[in-house]
Each structure stands twice: as structure tokens, then as C-alpha cells.
N, C-alpha and C. Protein backbone atom coordinates (compact mmCIF):
# COMPACT_ATOMS: atom_id res chain seq x y z
N MET A 1 50.90 41.10 -7.14
CA MET A 1 52.26 40.87 -7.37
C MET A 1 53.13 41.92 -6.86
N LYS A 2 54.47 41.22 -6.47
CA LYS A 2 55.55 41.81 -5.79
C LYS A 2 56.33 42.48 -6.50
N LYS A 3 56.74 44.00 -6.34
CA LYS A 3 57.58 44.70 -7.23
C LYS A 3 58.54 45.28 -5.84
N ALA A 4 59.99 45.57 -6.59
CA ALA A 4 60.89 46.11 -5.64
C ALA A 4 61.84 46.92 -6.28
N VAL A 5 62.30 47.80 -5.51
CA VAL A 5 63.60 48.74 -6.09
C VAL A 5 64.71 48.32 -5.45
N ILE A 6 65.57 48.03 -6.69
CA ILE A 6 67.02 47.33 -6.36
C ILE A 6 68.06 48.50 -6.64
N LEU A 7 69.32 48.33 -6.24
CA LEU A 7 70.39 49.24 -6.54
C LEU A 7 71.42 48.30 -7.19
N ILE A 8 71.69 48.53 -8.54
CA ILE A 8 72.79 47.61 -9.19
C ILE A 8 73.76 48.85 -9.82
N GLY A 9 74.98 48.87 -9.47
CA GLY A 9 75.94 49.81 -10.30
C GLY A 9 75.54 51.29 -10.08
N GLY A 10 75.15 51.72 -8.88
CA GLY A 10 74.67 53.03 -8.48
C GLY A 10 73.57 53.51 -9.02
N LYS A 11 72.83 52.48 -9.91
CA LYS A 11 71.28 53.08 -10.32
C LYS A 11 70.36 52.16 -9.80
N GLN A 12 69.23 52.92 -9.56
CA GLN A 12 68.09 52.12 -9.14
C GLN A 12 67.15 51.76 -10.09
N TYR A 13 66.58 50.51 -10.17
CA TYR A 13 65.61 49.97 -10.96
C TYR A 13 64.23 49.48 -10.23
N LEU A 14 63.14 49.62 -10.76
CA LEU A 14 61.94 49.11 -10.24
C LEU A 14 61.74 47.80 -11.10
N VAL A 15 61.72 46.74 -10.45
CA VAL A 15 61.46 45.29 -10.95
C VAL A 15 60.51 44.50 -10.64
N GLU A 16 60.01 43.67 -11.41
CA GLU A 16 59.04 42.59 -11.07
C GLU A 16 59.73 41.13 -11.18
N GLU A 17 59.22 40.27 -10.66
CA GLU A 17 59.59 38.93 -11.12
C GLU A 17 59.33 38.31 -12.63
N LYS A 18 60.48 37.73 -13.19
CA LYS A 18 60.36 37.28 -14.28
C LYS A 18 60.38 38.36 -15.56
N GLU A 19 61.15 39.47 -15.08
CA GLU A 19 61.21 40.67 -15.89
C GLU A 19 62.73 40.59 -16.29
N THR A 20 63.07 40.97 -17.60
CA THR A 20 64.45 40.96 -18.18
C THR A 20 64.90 42.62 -18.05
N LEU A 21 65.93 42.84 -17.80
CA LEU A 21 66.55 44.14 -17.41
C LEU A 21 67.88 44.25 -17.96
N ARG A 22 68.17 45.51 -18.63
CA ARG A 22 69.54 45.80 -19.20
C ARG A 22 70.16 46.87 -18.01
N VAL A 23 71.14 46.11 -17.75
CA VAL A 23 72.05 47.25 -16.39
C VAL A 23 73.39 47.30 -17.03
N ASP A 24 74.26 48.19 -16.24
CA ASP A 24 75.55 48.52 -16.47
C ASP A 24 76.36 46.95 -16.52
N LEU A 25 77.42 47.01 -17.39
CA LEU A 25 78.33 45.69 -17.34
C LEU A 25 78.67 45.17 -16.18
N LEU A 26 78.37 43.91 -15.79
CA LEU A 26 78.67 43.31 -14.67
C LEU A 26 80.12 42.80 -14.76
N PRO A 27 80.95 42.38 -13.64
CA PRO A 27 82.18 41.61 -13.77
C PRO A 27 81.79 40.27 -14.52
N ALA A 28 83.09 40.12 -15.16
CA ALA A 28 83.20 38.84 -16.03
C ALA A 28 82.93 37.39 -15.17
N GLY A 29 82.14 36.61 -15.47
CA GLY A 29 82.06 35.59 -14.79
C GLY A 29 80.63 35.58 -13.73
N THR A 30 80.18 36.66 -13.84
CA THR A 30 79.17 36.56 -12.95
C THR A 30 77.78 36.09 -13.55
N LYS A 31 77.38 34.81 -12.86
CA LYS A 31 76.19 33.97 -13.22
C LYS A 31 74.82 34.31 -12.59
N GLU A 32 74.90 34.73 -11.36
CA GLU A 32 73.73 35.06 -10.37
C GLU A 32 74.06 36.08 -9.62
N LEU A 33 72.93 36.79 -9.17
CA LEU A 33 73.16 38.16 -8.57
C LEU A 33 72.00 38.18 -7.52
N GLU A 34 72.36 38.42 -6.23
CA GLU A 34 71.42 38.49 -5.07
C GLU A 34 71.63 39.76 -4.29
N THR A 35 70.62 40.65 -4.19
CA THR A 35 70.70 42.09 -3.50
C THR A 35 69.83 42.12 -2.73
N ALA A 36 69.76 42.98 -1.79
CA ALA A 36 68.69 43.37 -1.04
C ALA A 36 67.95 44.68 -1.65
N PRO A 37 66.54 44.71 -1.38
CA PRO A 37 65.87 45.87 -2.07
C PRO A 37 66.00 46.91 -1.29
N LEU A 38 65.75 48.23 -1.80
CA LEU A 38 65.65 49.56 -1.03
C LEU A 38 64.15 49.76 -0.59
N LEU A 39 63.25 49.01 -1.60
CA LEU A 39 61.68 49.28 -1.27
C LEU A 39 60.98 48.06 -1.93
N VAL A 40 59.89 47.48 -0.98
CA VAL A 40 59.28 46.45 -1.53
C VAL A 40 57.70 47.03 -1.69
N ILE A 41 57.06 46.55 -2.74
CA ILE A 41 55.76 46.68 -3.02
C ILE A 41 54.90 45.51 -3.16
N ASP A 42 53.75 45.15 -2.22
CA ASP A 42 53.27 44.08 -2.18
C ASP A 42 51.84 44.23 -2.00
N GLY A 43 51.18 44.27 -3.42
CA GLY A 43 49.90 44.86 -3.21
C GLY A 43 49.57 46.06 -2.89
N ASP A 44 48.99 46.17 -1.83
CA ASP A 44 48.64 47.77 -1.20
C ASP A 44 49.69 48.12 0.08
N LYS A 45 50.43 47.00 0.23
CA LYS A 45 51.32 47.10 1.50
C LYS A 45 52.83 47.46 0.72
N THR A 46 53.61 48.61 1.29
CA THR A 46 54.60 49.00 0.83
C THR A 46 55.59 49.29 2.20
N THR A 47 57.04 48.74 1.94
CA THR A 47 57.90 48.58 2.91
C THR A 47 59.05 49.35 2.31
N VAL A 48 59.40 50.32 3.06
CA VAL A 48 60.85 51.25 2.65
C VAL A 48 61.73 50.78 3.76
N GLY A 49 62.90 50.36 3.36
CA GLY A 49 63.97 50.16 3.98
C GLY A 49 64.81 51.46 4.38
N THR A 50 65.86 51.08 5.51
CA THR A 50 66.55 52.10 6.04
C THR A 50 68.01 51.50 6.28
N PRO A 51 68.70 51.51 5.01
CA PRO A 51 68.68 51.75 3.56
C PRO A 51 68.02 50.62 2.80
N GLU A 52 68.23 49.31 3.42
CA GLU A 52 67.61 48.27 2.87
C GLU A 52 66.62 47.45 3.58
N VAL A 53 65.53 46.78 2.95
CA VAL A 53 64.62 46.13 3.51
C VAL A 53 65.16 44.73 4.11
N LYS A 54 64.88 44.53 5.47
CA LYS A 54 65.44 43.43 6.15
C LYS A 54 64.59 42.13 5.80
N GLY A 55 65.34 41.15 5.60
CA GLY A 55 64.57 39.83 5.44
C GLY A 55 63.97 39.65 4.07
N VAL A 56 64.19 40.47 2.98
CA VAL A 56 63.83 40.38 1.82
C VAL A 56 64.92 40.10 0.62
N LYS A 57 65.10 39.44 -0.18
CA LYS A 57 66.15 39.28 -1.11
C LYS A 57 65.56 39.10 -2.51
N VAL A 58 66.22 39.78 -3.37
CA VAL A 58 65.91 39.77 -4.93
C VAL A 58 66.96 39.01 -5.51
N SER A 59 66.67 37.95 -6.30
CA SER A 59 67.36 37.02 -6.91
C SER A 59 67.55 37.22 -8.36
N ALA A 60 68.74 37.41 -9.09
CA ALA A 60 68.56 37.30 -10.89
C ALA A 60 69.62 36.64 -11.23
N LYS A 61 69.37 36.23 -12.44
CA LYS A 61 70.38 35.41 -13.39
C LYS A 61 70.91 36.10 -14.31
N VAL A 62 72.11 36.05 -14.89
CA VAL A 62 72.68 36.98 -15.97
C VAL A 62 72.19 36.00 -17.43
N VAL A 63 71.39 36.53 -18.26
CA VAL A 63 70.85 35.92 -19.32
C VAL A 63 72.32 36.12 -20.52
N GLU A 64 72.53 37.36 -20.86
CA GLU A 64 73.88 37.57 -21.50
C GLU A 64 74.81 38.43 -20.78
N GLU A 65 75.93 38.14 -21.16
CA GLU A 65 76.92 38.86 -20.43
C GLU A 65 77.20 40.26 -21.07
N VAL A 66 77.65 40.49 -22.32
CA VAL A 66 77.90 41.57 -23.03
C VAL A 66 76.79 41.83 -24.16
N VAL A 67 75.98 43.20 -24.03
CA VAL A 67 75.08 43.32 -24.83
C VAL A 67 75.49 44.90 -25.18
N LYS A 68 75.53 45.08 -26.62
CA LYS A 68 76.13 46.61 -26.92
C LYS A 68 74.69 47.37 -27.18
N GLY A 69 75.01 48.46 -26.68
CA GLY A 69 74.00 49.75 -26.78
C GLY A 69 74.18 50.42 -28.14
N ASP A 70 73.16 51.30 -28.43
CA ASP A 70 73.23 52.02 -29.47
C ASP A 70 74.49 53.13 -29.50
N LYS A 71 74.92 53.25 -30.91
CA LYS A 71 76.00 54.03 -31.20
C LYS A 71 75.62 55.53 -30.88
N ILE A 72 76.43 56.22 -30.04
CA ILE A 72 76.50 57.56 -30.12
C ILE A 72 77.57 58.33 -30.65
N ARG A 73 77.26 59.53 -31.43
CA ARG A 73 78.31 59.92 -32.22
C ARG A 73 78.44 61.64 -31.54
N VAL A 74 79.79 61.93 -31.46
CA VAL A 74 80.09 62.98 -30.87
C VAL A 74 80.78 63.91 -31.94
N ILE A 75 80.55 65.15 -31.92
CA ILE A 75 81.09 66.02 -33.05
C ILE A 75 81.89 67.03 -32.40
N HIS A 76 82.99 67.50 -32.60
CA HIS A 76 83.57 68.60 -31.98
C HIS A 76 83.72 69.46 -33.19
N TYR A 77 83.36 70.90 -33.38
CA TYR A 77 83.45 71.61 -34.55
C TYR A 77 83.69 73.14 -34.08
N LYS A 78 84.66 73.74 -34.68
CA LYS A 78 85.09 75.18 -34.30
C LYS A 78 84.93 76.15 -35.58
N PRO A 79 84.08 76.79 -35.77
CA PRO A 79 84.14 77.77 -37.08
C PRO A 79 85.47 78.51 -37.10
N LYS A 80 85.60 78.65 -38.37
CA LYS A 80 86.92 79.68 -38.84
C LYS A 80 87.96 79.16 -38.44
N LYS A 81 88.00 77.70 -38.11
CA LYS A 81 89.35 77.48 -37.56
C LYS A 81 89.83 75.99 -38.23
N ARG A 82 88.88 75.61 -39.06
CA ARG A 82 89.13 74.13 -39.80
C ARG A 82 89.48 73.04 -38.92
N GLU A 83 88.78 73.07 -37.79
CA GLU A 83 88.74 72.04 -36.71
C GLU A 83 87.35 71.43 -36.86
N HIS A 84 87.52 70.18 -37.04
CA HIS A 84 86.55 69.06 -36.90
C HIS A 84 86.88 67.82 -36.59
N THR A 85 86.46 67.16 -35.61
CA THR A 85 86.62 65.93 -34.92
C THR A 85 85.27 65.19 -34.52
N GLU A 86 85.13 63.89 -34.96
CA GLU A 86 84.20 63.09 -34.85
C GLU A 86 84.46 61.79 -34.04
N THR A 87 84.12 61.36 -33.07
CA THR A 87 84.25 60.28 -32.28
C THR A 87 82.90 59.67 -32.10
N GLY A 88 82.88 58.33 -31.81
CA GLY A 88 81.59 57.51 -31.47
C GLY A 88 81.87 56.69 -29.91
N HIS A 89 80.81 56.40 -29.51
CA HIS A 89 80.94 55.50 -28.32
C HIS A 89 79.71 54.39 -28.37
N ARG A 90 79.97 53.29 -27.93
CA ARG A 90 78.78 52.15 -27.80
C ARG A 90 79.04 51.59 -26.54
N GLN A 91 78.09 51.85 -25.64
CA GLN A 91 78.04 51.59 -24.12
C GLN A 91 77.85 49.71 -24.17
N LYS A 92 78.57 49.10 -23.17
CA LYS A 92 78.28 47.87 -23.17
C LYS A 92 77.38 47.42 -21.85
N TYR A 93 76.22 46.59 -22.09
CA TYR A 93 75.47 46.30 -20.93
C TYR A 93 75.46 44.60 -20.64
N SER A 94 74.73 44.22 -19.34
CA SER A 94 74.60 43.06 -19.15
C SER A 94 73.13 42.76 -19.15
N LEU A 95 72.55 41.80 -19.53
CA LEU A 95 71.04 41.43 -19.70
C LEU A 95 70.82 40.53 -18.52
N ILE A 96 69.95 40.80 -17.58
CA ILE A 96 69.66 40.08 -16.45
C ILE A 96 68.19 39.83 -16.32
N GLU A 97 67.64 38.63 -15.80
CA GLU A 97 66.30 38.30 -15.50
C GLU A 97 66.21 38.22 -14.02
N ILE A 98 64.92 38.67 -13.46
CA ILE A 98 64.67 38.70 -12.14
C ILE A 98 64.12 37.32 -11.73
N THR A 99 64.53 36.46 -11.05
CA THR A 99 63.96 35.09 -10.89
C THR A 99 63.12 35.25 -9.74
N SER A 100 63.34 35.92 -8.63
CA SER A 100 62.46 35.92 -7.43
C SER A 100 62.61 37.08 -6.50
N ILE A 101 61.50 37.40 -5.81
CA ILE A 101 61.65 38.26 -4.59
C ILE A 101 61.16 37.71 -3.50
N LYS A 102 61.85 37.22 -2.51
CA LYS A 102 61.55 36.64 -1.23
C LYS A 102 61.80 37.58 0.04
């Protein structure tokens, strides 16, 4: 089974074919994605690119454009000052499926 390390949005992911992956939000309207891998593992054979492996492409399709992550609560508190603020953040992701490593 082939595995590859790809770079999407400044982050590296170890992927296989038919794997579903949650990555940072991609630009609107992106349906398919094709990238060159940084490393390819094919059984016992490992190929490291400089910086990318030549002749190999990883194809992916976008399953869902916007998926919301877990809510993160941030609390700022200063004792003896009656200062208390609370904010939240919910990151948006794209869900992609790796179709082929060729």
C-alpha cells in the first residue's frame, strides 16, 4: 500500500489512498486538489524528494467545503481588578478524500 507525505496549507500530512482528511479551509470553489508529495512509501521502498518527489502526484477531491471544529473558550481574568472577559473560537476546516497516489 502506498503512503505519501503531502503539504497543504503549510502543514504536512501522512496520507493513504481512500483516506478522509480534515485540513485547513481551502479557497471557495475548490473541487479537486493535486499536489506533489514530499515523501513516498511503497512497501519497503522509500523515496524522499528534494523538496518534492518527481513524477508522483497525489490527487484529492473535496467532500465538504466547510466543517466546523470544536469550540475553544478563552478566558482573561485579572485578580483584584474586576476584570473578566470570555471569548470563543471555532475553526473552519475542509474535508478531503485522497483518491490516488500515482
